[in-house]
Amino acid sequence: MNLLILALLALAGAVVLAVLHFRQAGPAKAARHWPVAPGVMVATRVDDPAPGGAMRWHPLVHYRYRVGEQDYEGVQLRPGGATATSRHEAEAMVARYAPGAQVGVRFNPYRPEESALEVPPSNPLLLIGAGALALLGLVPFALIAAEELDLFGGDYRPPVSPSSPTTTDMGMGTDMNMTMSTTPPAPTTAYFVGLWTEDGNCYPAALSMQSDGVFRTRGGGRGTWYVLGTSLTLSGPAGSRTLPIQIIDQNNYRAVGAPGTTARCSVGTAPS
């Protein structure tokens, strides 16, 4: 928040300096192209700063000049007025305009009553200062935008490969670690087709799950089966049982709440 306040103050200062520059440079630039008429100095003086005001001294001039058949009087040393930071500086500014001296007076050809004795050289310091403050104000905004857009990279976290194995405790009452895929297969009908055993004895297989929805047990029993969501339902002469299933990997699943796992048999034959 403090950074934003400083940035806004810097931008406001840049605007003020730019306005001051163009207020000074605008009239002076136009006056450089004004024609010059002959004139004569009447008087000069220096005014001190007003009480309580800025410490600026004002060099004042009074002169007469003639444009065509018309006589005019002027009081501007420079377009827009002139000030000095010390009395000595102000006196030096009017010293070359002694009363009675012949001078060249610049006048506005469209408004001859508007005149000045001299045009100050261009001073780019105000514009340079405005540019510096603007840059100083924009840098915090650029840094904040870069951070919001994460242009500096941030903390890199490599993606986890779906096939990367991880070791986890299945919580079966023993210190048993099993390697399982980070993306185990969902329980589908195709997944369960095959030969399965709960005690590691694959010959003859404990359970044969057939693709037509029929299962056969080691003891010769048979029934039907189907998968719905994450549950496996087995129906036979003894009734129907639905088991919520947790897939471990392509060859192992666990009935939720059961003490062990059921493994796929890679060898063996279906019960006859």
Protein backbone atom coordinates (compact mmCIF):
# COMPACT_ATOMS: atom_id res chain seq x y z
CA MET A 1 0.00 0.00 0.00
CA ASN A 2 2.86 2.42 0.87
CA LEU A 3 4.45 1.63 -2.49
CA LEU A 4 1.24 2.56 -4.29
CA ILE A 5 0.97 5.84 -2.37
CA LEU A 6 4.54 6.79 -3.30
CA ALA A 7 3.84 5.88 -6.92
CA LEU A 8 0.72 8.07 -7.00
CA LEU A 9 2.60 10.99 -5.40
CA ALA A 10 5.36 10.66 -7.98
CA LEU A 11 2.86 10.67 -10.84
CA ALA A 12 1.08 13.71 -9.34
CA GLY A 13 4.42 15.53 -9.11
CA ALA A 14 5.13 14.65 -12.74
CA VAL A 15 1.82 16.18 -13.80
CA VAL A 16 2.51 19.39 -11.82
CA LEU A 17 5.99 19.80 -13.34
CA ALA A 18 4.66 19.15 -16.84
CA VAL A 19 1.93 21.78 -16.38
CA LEU A 20 4.48 24.32 -15.11
CA HIS A 21 6.76 23.59 -18.05
CA PHE A 22 4.10 24.11 -20.68
CA ARG A 23 2.74 27.23 -18.93
CA GLN A 24 6.20 28.74 -19.17
CA ALA A 25 7.32 27.30 -22.48
CA GLY A 26 4.08 28.01 -24.36
CA PRO A 27 4.09 31.84 -24.24
CA ALA A 28 7.87 32.00 -24.66
CA LYS A 29 7.78 29.79 -27.76
CA ALA A 30 5.12 31.97 -29.37
CA ALA A 31 6.99 35.19 -28.50
CA ARG A 32 10.12 33.99 -30.31
CA HIS A 33 8.28 34.53 -33.61
CA TRP A 34 6.88 37.99 -32.78
CA PRO A 35 8.14 40.96 -34.81
CA VAL A 36 10.24 43.63 -33.12
CA ALA A 37 9.29 47.33 -32.87
CA PRO A 38 11.52 50.23 -31.73
CA GLY A 39 10.94 51.35 -28.17
CA VAL A 40 12.34 53.42 -25.33
CA MET A 41 12.64 52.62 -21.62
CA VAL A 42 10.66 54.72 -19.16
CA ALA A 43 11.49 53.17 -15.76
CA THR A 44 12.54 49.99 -13.92
CA ARG A 45 12.32 48.73 -10.35
CA VAL A 46 12.45 45.57 -8.23
CA ASP A 47 9.59 44.55 -5.95
CA ASP A 48 10.36 42.57 -2.80
CA PRO A 49 8.43 39.39 -1.91
CA ALA A 50 4.99 39.89 -0.41
CA PRO A 51 4.79 39.26 3.38
CA GLY A 52 4.05 35.60 3.99
CA GLY A 53 4.44 34.75 0.31
CA ALA A 54 7.09 32.90 -1.65
CA MET A 55 10.61 34.29 -1.57
CA ARG A 56 10.52 35.61 -5.13
CA TRP A 57 11.65 39.06 -6.28
CA HIS A 58 9.89 40.71 -9.23
CA PRO A 59 11.89 42.74 -11.81
CA LEU A 60 9.48 45.34 -13.23
CA VAL A 61 9.93 47.43 -16.38
CA HIS A 62 8.00 50.23 -18.10
CA TYR A 63 8.58 51.09 -21.77
CA ARG A 64 6.93 52.70 -24.79
CA TYR A 65 6.93 51.43 -28.39
CA ARG A 66 5.28 52.25 -31.69
CA VAL A 67 3.59 49.84 -34.12
CA GLY A 68 2.61 51.53 -37.39
CA GLU A 69 0.92 54.81 -36.44
CA GLN A 70 -0.09 53.65 -32.96
CA ASP A 71 1.84 54.18 -29.70
CA TYR A 72 1.75 51.52 -26.96
CA GLU A 73 3.10 51.06 -23.43
CA GLY A 74 4.34 47.76 -21.99
CA VAL A 75 5.32 46.41 -18.57
CA GLN A 76 6.39 42.83 -19.32
CA LEU A 77 10.05 41.93 -19.18
CA ARG A 78 9.26 38.38 -20.38
CA PRO A 79 6.08 36.70 -21.64
CA GLY A 80 4.04 35.57 -18.64
CA GLY A 81 6.12 37.69 -16.24
CA ALA A 82 9.54 37.23 -14.66
CA THR A 83 10.72 36.42 -11.14
CA ALA A 84 14.07 35.91 -9.39
CA THR A 85 15.20 33.96 -6.36
CA SER A 86 17.18 36.91 -4.93
CA ARG A 87 17.15 40.69 -5.09
CA HIS A 88 20.62 40.67 -6.64
CA GLU A 89 19.38 38.45 -9.47
CA ALA A 90 16.33 40.66 -10.04
CA GLU A 91 18.45 43.84 -10.15
CA ALA A 92 20.79 42.22 -12.68
CA MET A 93 17.80 41.41 -14.89
CA VAL A 94 16.72 45.10 -15.15
CA ALA A 95 20.22 46.65 -15.07
CA ARG A 96 20.55 46.60 -18.88
CA TYR A 97 17.30 48.52 -19.32
CA ALA A 98 18.20 52.01 -18.04
CA PRO A 99 15.48 54.70 -18.36
CA GLY A 100 15.78 56.52 -21.71
CA ALA A 101 17.60 53.63 -23.41
CA GLN A 102 16.50 52.56 -26.88
CA VAL A 103 15.21 48.95 -26.91
CA GLY A 104 13.65 46.48 -29.30
CA VAL A 105 10.18 45.43 -28.20
CA ARG A 106 8.63 42.13 -29.30
CA PHE A 107 4.89 42.42 -29.89
CA ASN A 108 2.04 40.13 -30.83
CA PRO A 109 1.14 40.95 -34.43
CA TYR A 110 -2.49 40.02 -33.78
CA ARG A 111 -2.66 41.97 -30.50
CA PRO A 112 0.02 44.71 -30.63
CA GLU A 113 -0.70 45.76 -27.03
CA GLU A 114 0.78 42.42 -25.89
CA SER A 115 4.56 42.77 -25.73
CA ALA A 116 7.81 41.77 -23.98
CA LEU A 117 11.41 42.94 -23.98
CA GLU A 118 13.03 39.49 -24.08
CA VAL A 119 12.31 35.81 -24.49
CA PRO A 120 14.04 33.48 -22.00
CA PRO A 121 15.95 30.49 -23.39
CA SER A 122 14.10 27.20 -23.23
CA ASN A 123 14.66 25.32 -19.96
CA PRO A 124 13.99 21.58 -20.24
CA LEU A 125 14.66 20.90 -16.56
CA LEU A 126 10.99 20.95 -15.61
CA LEU A 127 10.14 18.52 -18.40
CA ILE A 128 13.10 16.28 -17.50
CA GLY A 129 11.97 16.30 -13.86
CA ALA A 130 8.42 15.44 -14.92
CA GLY A 131 9.72 12.51 -16.96
CA ALA A 132 11.86 11.25 -14.08
CA LEU A 133 8.96 11.42 -11.63
CA ALA A 134 6.65 9.70 -14.12
CA LEU A 135 9.17 6.88 -14.53
CA LEU A 136 9.58 6.63 -10.76
CA GLY A 137 5.83 6.40 -10.39
CA LEU A 138 5.35 3.79 -13.11
CA VAL A 139 8.04 1.38 -11.85
CA PRO A 140 6.00 0.23 -8.79
CA PHE A 141 2.97 -0.38 -11.00
CA ALA A 142 5.11 -2.44 -13.37
CA LEU A 143 6.50 -4.49 -10.48
CA ILE A 144 3.03 -5.10 -9.05
CA ALA A 145 1.67 -6.10 -12.47
CA ALA A 146 4.61 -8.46 -13.03
CA GLU A 147 3.98 -10.10 -9.67
CA GLU A 148 0.25 -10.46 -10.37
CA LEU A 149 0.97 -12.03 -13.76
CA ASP A 150 3.71 -14.23 -12.26
CA LEU A 151 6.19 -12.95 -14.85
CA PHE A 152 9.09 -13.75 -12.53
CA GLY A 153 8.28 -17.46 -12.50
CA GLY A 154 7.43 -17.92 -8.81
CA ASP A 155 7.94 -21.29 -7.16
CA TYR A 156 8.22 -24.01 -9.78
CA ARG A 157 6.38 -27.18 -8.96
CA PRO A 158 6.87 -29.98 -11.52
CA PRO A 159 3.68 -31.71 -12.58
CA VAL A 160 3.01 -35.13 -11.15
CA SER A 161 2.98 -37.80 -13.83
CA PRO A 162 -0.24 -39.84 -13.79
CA SER A 163 1.84 -43.01 -14.04
CA SER A 164 4.23 -42.12 -11.21
CA PRO A 165 3.91 -44.74 -8.47
CA THR A 166 3.66 -43.81 -4.84
CA THR A 167 3.93 -45.90 -1.71
CA THR A 168 1.12 -45.75 0.83
CA ASP A 169 -0.02 -47.65 3.86
CA MET A 170 -3.31 -49.36 3.11
CA GLY A 171 -4.15 -49.59 6.82
CA MET A 172 -4.97 -53.32 6.90
CA GLY A 173 -3.83 -53.94 10.47
CA THR A 174 -0.24 -54.79 9.48
CA ASP A 175 2.78 -52.75 8.44
CA MET A 176 2.12 -53.41 4.78
CA ASN A 177 3.17 -50.93 2.09
CA MET A 178 1.70 -51.30 -1.36
CA THR A 179 2.62 -49.49 -4.53
CA MET A 180 -0.40 -47.96 -6.19
CA SER A 181 -0.86 -45.66 -9.15
CA THR A 182 -1.69 -42.04 -8.50
CA THR A 183 -4.62 -42.55 -10.87
CA PRO A 184 -6.02 -46.01 -10.14
CA PRO A 185 -8.51 -47.39 -12.65
CA ALA A 186 -12.18 -46.90 -11.94
CA PRO A 187 -14.22 -50.00 -11.16
CA THR A 188 -15.72 -51.03 -14.49
CA THR A 189 -17.16 -54.24 -15.82
CA ALA A 190 -14.11 -54.80 -18.03
CA TYR A 191 -11.80 -54.41 -15.01
CA PHE A 192 -13.37 -57.34 -13.11
CA VAL A 193 -13.41 -59.83 -15.99
CA GLY A 194 -10.83 -62.53 -15.17
CA LEU A 195 -9.71 -64.91 -12.41
CA TRP A 196 -9.44 -63.65 -8.78
CA THR A 197 -8.26 -65.03 -5.45
CA GLU A 198 -8.47 -63.82 -1.86
CA ASP A 199 -5.97 -66.28 -0.35
CA GLY A 200 -3.25 -66.29 -3.03
CA ASN A 201 -4.28 -69.74 -4.33
CA CYS A 202 -4.82 -69.35 -8.05
CA TYR A 203 -5.20 -73.05 -8.91
CA PRO A 204 -7.95 -73.63 -9.12
CA ALA A 205 -8.95 -69.91 -9.16
CA ALA A 206 -11.05 -68.69 -6.27
CA LEU A 207 -13.45 -66.77 -8.46
CA SER A 208 -14.04 -66.56 -12.19
CA MET A 209 -15.72 -63.34 -13.37
CA GLN A 210 -17.03 -63.73 -16.90
CA SER A 211 -17.76 -60.96 -19.37
CA ASP A 212 -21.39 -62.10 -19.75
CA GLY A 213 -22.08 -61.13 -16.12
CA VAL A 214 -21.84 -64.68 -14.71
CA PHE A 215 -19.41 -65.66 -11.94
CA ARG A 216 -18.28 -69.15 -10.86
CA THR A 217 -16.70 -70.02 -7.50
CA ARG A 218 -14.04 -72.56 -6.61
CA GLY A 219 -16.65 -74.86 -5.08
CA GLY A 220 -18.80 -74.88 -8.21
CA GLY A 221 -21.29 -72.21 -7.24
CA ARG A 222 -22.41 -69.66 -9.75
CA GLY A 223 -24.36 -66.48 -9.97
CA THR A 224 -24.48 -63.07 -11.62
CA TRP A 225 -22.53 -59.91 -11.03
CA TYR A 226 -22.57 -56.29 -12.11
CA VAL A 227 -20.81 -53.01 -11.32
CA LEU A 228 -22.67 -49.84 -10.37
CA GLY A 229 -20.66 -46.73 -9.50
CA THR A 230 -17.97 -47.86 -7.06
CA SER A 231 -19.80 -51.00 -5.92
CA LEU A 232 -19.68 -54.63 -7.05
CA THR A 233 -22.89 -56.63 -6.59
CA LEU A 234 -22.84 -60.46 -6.52
CA SER A 235 -26.13 -62.39 -6.65
CA GLY A 236 -26.43 -66.16 -6.20
CA PRO A 237 -28.53 -68.89 -4.54
CA ALA A 238 -27.53 -67.63 -1.09
CA GLY A 239 -28.68 -64.08 -1.83
CA SER A 240 -27.24 -60.83 -3.04
CA ARG A 241 -24.28 -58.90 -1.64
CA THR A 242 -23.07 -55.42 -2.62
CA LEU A 243 -19.44 -54.57 -1.89
CA PRO A 244 -18.07 -51.00 -2.03
CA ILE A 245 -14.82 -51.38 -3.98
CA GLN A 246 -11.50 -49.57 -3.67
CA ILE A 247 -9.27 -50.12 -6.71
CA ILE A 248 -5.59 -50.45 -5.77
CA ASP A 249 -4.12 -51.08 -9.23
CA GLN A 250 -4.83 -53.10 -12.37
CA ASN A 251 -4.42 -56.38 -10.50
CA ASN A 252 -5.62 -55.69 -6.95
CA TYR A 253 -8.80 -54.38 -5.38
CA ARG A 254 -10.16 -54.25 -1.89
CA ALA A 255 -13.69 -54.51 -0.62
CA VAL A 256 -14.10 -51.60 1.79
CA GLY A 257 -14.23 -52.96 5.31
CA ALA A 258 -12.72 -56.32 4.37
CA PRO A 259 -9.50 -57.39 6.15
CA GLY A 260 -7.56 -58.24 2.99
CA THR A 261 -7.35 -57.69 -0.74
CA THR A 262 -8.40 -59.63 -3.81
CA ALA A 263 -5.71 -60.24 -6.44
CA ARG A 264 -5.96 -61.04 -10.12
CA CYS A 265 -4.59 -64.45 -11.13
CA SER A 266 -2.21 -64.32 -14.04
CA VAL A 267 -2.20 -68.13 -14.33
CA GLY A 268 -4.74 -70.77 -13.60
CA THR A 269 -7.93 -72.01 -15.08
CA ALA A 270 -11.55 -71.32 -14.43
CA PRO A 271 -13.28 -73.77 -12.13
CA SER A 272 -14.90 -76.58 -14.06
